[in-house]
Amino acid sequence: MFKFLNPDGRNAHFSVDDDNASVLHVDSFNFKAGVKAAAKDFDFSRHQGETVRVFVDADGTYSMEHGTHEWLLFMAEIPECTYRQVYDGTDENGMEKTRSVAVPPDLNDAVITIFALPEEEK
């Protein structure tokens, strides 16, 4: 679920990948005068159960590192890891064996808070 803090503001465009719901796509956008941020795919499969913040630096690059950055672009609350049981052959007694496999997060179930971009200089 996308939650726009300022729906009437200047917002980047986001979408969840149709083929891999663990990936969030950000379209390219004009960050500020003369600075364009490139389109980027963020794979959150390794961030289950975490709150992830993605920043834009002054040069239009992205960062997920803690520290000082130009702008907070979005914050995503990635769902906790879930597991499913899959068939894993039979044991020496002929009984079926199963094993637990982690299910990748589905960003359609995540809360993704979008922060409006800074106003463009006139």
Protein backbone atom coordinates (compact mmCIF):
# COMPACT_ATOMS: atom_id res chain seq x y z
CA MET A 1 0.00 0.00 0.00
CA PHE A 2 1.39 3.37 -1.01
CA LYS A 3 0.78 6.15 1.47
CA PHE A 4 1.53 9.61 0.05
CA LEU A 5 2.18 12.13 2.82
CA ASN A 6 1.45 14.94 0.37
CA PRO A 7 -0.72 13.54 -2.44
CA ASP A 8 -0.90 16.97 -4.08
CA GLY A 9 2.87 17.46 -3.90
CA ARG A 10 5.49 16.58 -6.45
CA ASN A 11 5.91 12.83 -6.03
CA ALA A 12 8.11 10.29 -7.79
CA HIS A 13 6.29 7.39 -9.46
CA PHE A 14 6.57 3.96 -7.82
CA SER A 15 5.35 0.49 -8.79
CA VAL A 16 5.71 -3.07 -7.52
CA ASP A 17 7.29 -5.35 -10.14
CA ASP A 18 4.70 -7.61 -11.80
CA ASP A 19 7.09 -10.57 -11.98
CA ASN A 20 8.79 -10.22 -8.58
CA ALA A 21 6.67 -8.63 -5.84
CA SER A 22 9.81 -8.15 -3.69
CA VAL A 23 11.02 -5.45 -6.08
CA LEU A 24 9.94 -1.82 -5.98
CA HIS A 25 10.54 0.21 -9.13
CA VAL A 26 11.14 3.96 -8.98
CA ASP A 27 10.85 5.86 -12.26
CA SER A 28 13.46 8.50 -13.04
CA PHE A 29 12.57 12.00 -11.87
CA ASN A 30 13.92 15.53 -11.70
CA PHE A 31 15.17 15.81 -8.15
CA LYS A 32 16.07 19.49 -8.15
CA ALA A 33 17.37 22.04 -10.65
CA GLY A 34 19.81 20.29 -12.97
CA VAL A 35 19.76 16.99 -11.03
CA LYS A 36 17.94 13.93 -12.35
CA ALA A 37 17.61 10.74 -10.31
CA ALA A 38 17.82 7.61 -12.47
CA ALA A 39 15.17 4.90 -12.51
CA LYS A 40 16.02 2.12 -10.08
CA ASP A 41 14.74 -1.22 -8.86
CA PHE A 42 15.01 -1.96 -5.14
CA ASP A 43 14.90 -5.63 -4.15
CA PHE A 44 13.70 -5.95 -0.54
CA SER A 45 13.86 -9.76 -0.30
CA ARG A 46 16.71 -9.48 2.25
CA HIS A 47 14.89 -6.91 4.38
CA GLN A 48 11.91 -8.90 5.66
CA GLY A 49 10.58 -7.58 8.97
CA GLU A 50 12.54 -4.35 8.62
CA THR A 51 11.69 -0.71 8.13
CA VAL A 52 13.83 0.52 5.25
CA ARG A 53 14.48 4.16 4.39
CA VAL A 54 15.65 5.21 0.94
CA PHE A 55 17.24 8.62 0.53
CA VAL A 56 18.27 10.76 -2.42
CA ASP A 57 21.60 12.54 -2.18
CA ALA A 58 22.37 15.96 -3.65
CA ASP A 59 23.76 14.39 -6.85
CA GLY A 60 20.59 12.33 -7.45
CA THR A 61 22.00 9.00 -6.26
CA TYR A 62 20.10 6.73 -3.88
CA SER A 63 21.23 5.51 -0.48
CA MET A 64 19.87 3.14 2.14
CA GLU A 65 22.73 3.85 4.53
CA HIS A 66 22.25 5.69 7.82
CA GLY A 67 23.76 9.15 7.81
CA THR A 68 23.23 12.61 6.40
CA HIS A 69 21.38 12.79 3.09
CA GLU A 70 19.63 15.42 1.01
CA TRP A 71 16.10 13.98 0.99
CA LEU A 72 14.05 11.07 2.34
CA LEU A 73 12.29 9.61 -0.70
CA PHE A 74 10.33 6.76 0.89
CA MET A 75 10.11 4.48 3.89
CA ALA A 76 8.95 0.88 3.53
CA GLU A 77 7.74 -1.43 6.27
CA ILE A 78 8.62 -4.83 4.80
CA PRO A 79 6.40 -7.71 6.02
CA GLU A 80 7.87 -10.36 8.33
CA CYS A 81 9.30 -13.51 6.80
CA THR A 82 6.81 -16.33 6.28
CA TYR A 83 7.51 -19.94 5.34
CA ARG A 84 5.81 -22.64 3.34
CA GLN A 85 6.34 -26.38 3.46
CA VAL A 86 7.62 -28.04 0.27
CA TYR A 87 7.99 -31.71 -0.58
CA ASP A 88 11.56 -32.91 -0.08
CA GLY A 89 11.47 -36.58 -1.08
CA THR A 90 10.94 -39.57 1.15
CA ASP A 91 12.86 -40.83 4.15
CA GLU A 92 14.27 -44.34 4.70
CA ASN A 93 10.83 -45.51 5.90
CA GLY A 94 9.06 -44.32 2.75
CA MET A 95 7.44 -41.37 4.54
CA GLU A 96 7.20 -38.03 2.76
CA LYS A 97 9.65 -35.37 3.95
CA THR A 98 9.03 -31.66 3.82
CA ARG A 99 11.19 -28.65 4.48
CA SER A 100 10.45 -25.04 5.26
CA VAL A 101 11.22 -22.50 2.54
CA ALA A 102 11.14 -18.74 3.10
CA VAL A 103 8.51 -16.92 1.04
CA PRO A 104 9.81 -13.66 -0.48
CA PRO A 105 8.00 -10.55 0.76
CA ASP A 106 5.13 -9.18 -1.28
CA LEU A 107 5.43 -5.40 -1.41
CA ASN A 108 1.73 -5.22 -2.22
CA ASP A 109 1.30 -6.12 1.48
CA ALA A 110 3.87 -3.55 2.67
CA VAL A 111 3.20 -0.02 3.87
CA ILE A 112 5.33 2.28 1.72
CA THR A 113 5.29 5.91 2.83
CA ILE A 114 6.12 8.33 0.02
CA PHE A 115 7.60 11.73 0.80
CA ALA A 116 6.93 14.50 -1.72
CA LEU A 117 9.95 15.81 -3.59
CA PRO A 118 11.25 19.31 -2.95
CA GLU A 119 9.52 22.00 -4.96
CA GLU A 120 11.25 22.78 -8.24
CA GLU A 121 13.02 26.11 -8.41
CA LYS A 122 11.45 28.52 -10.84
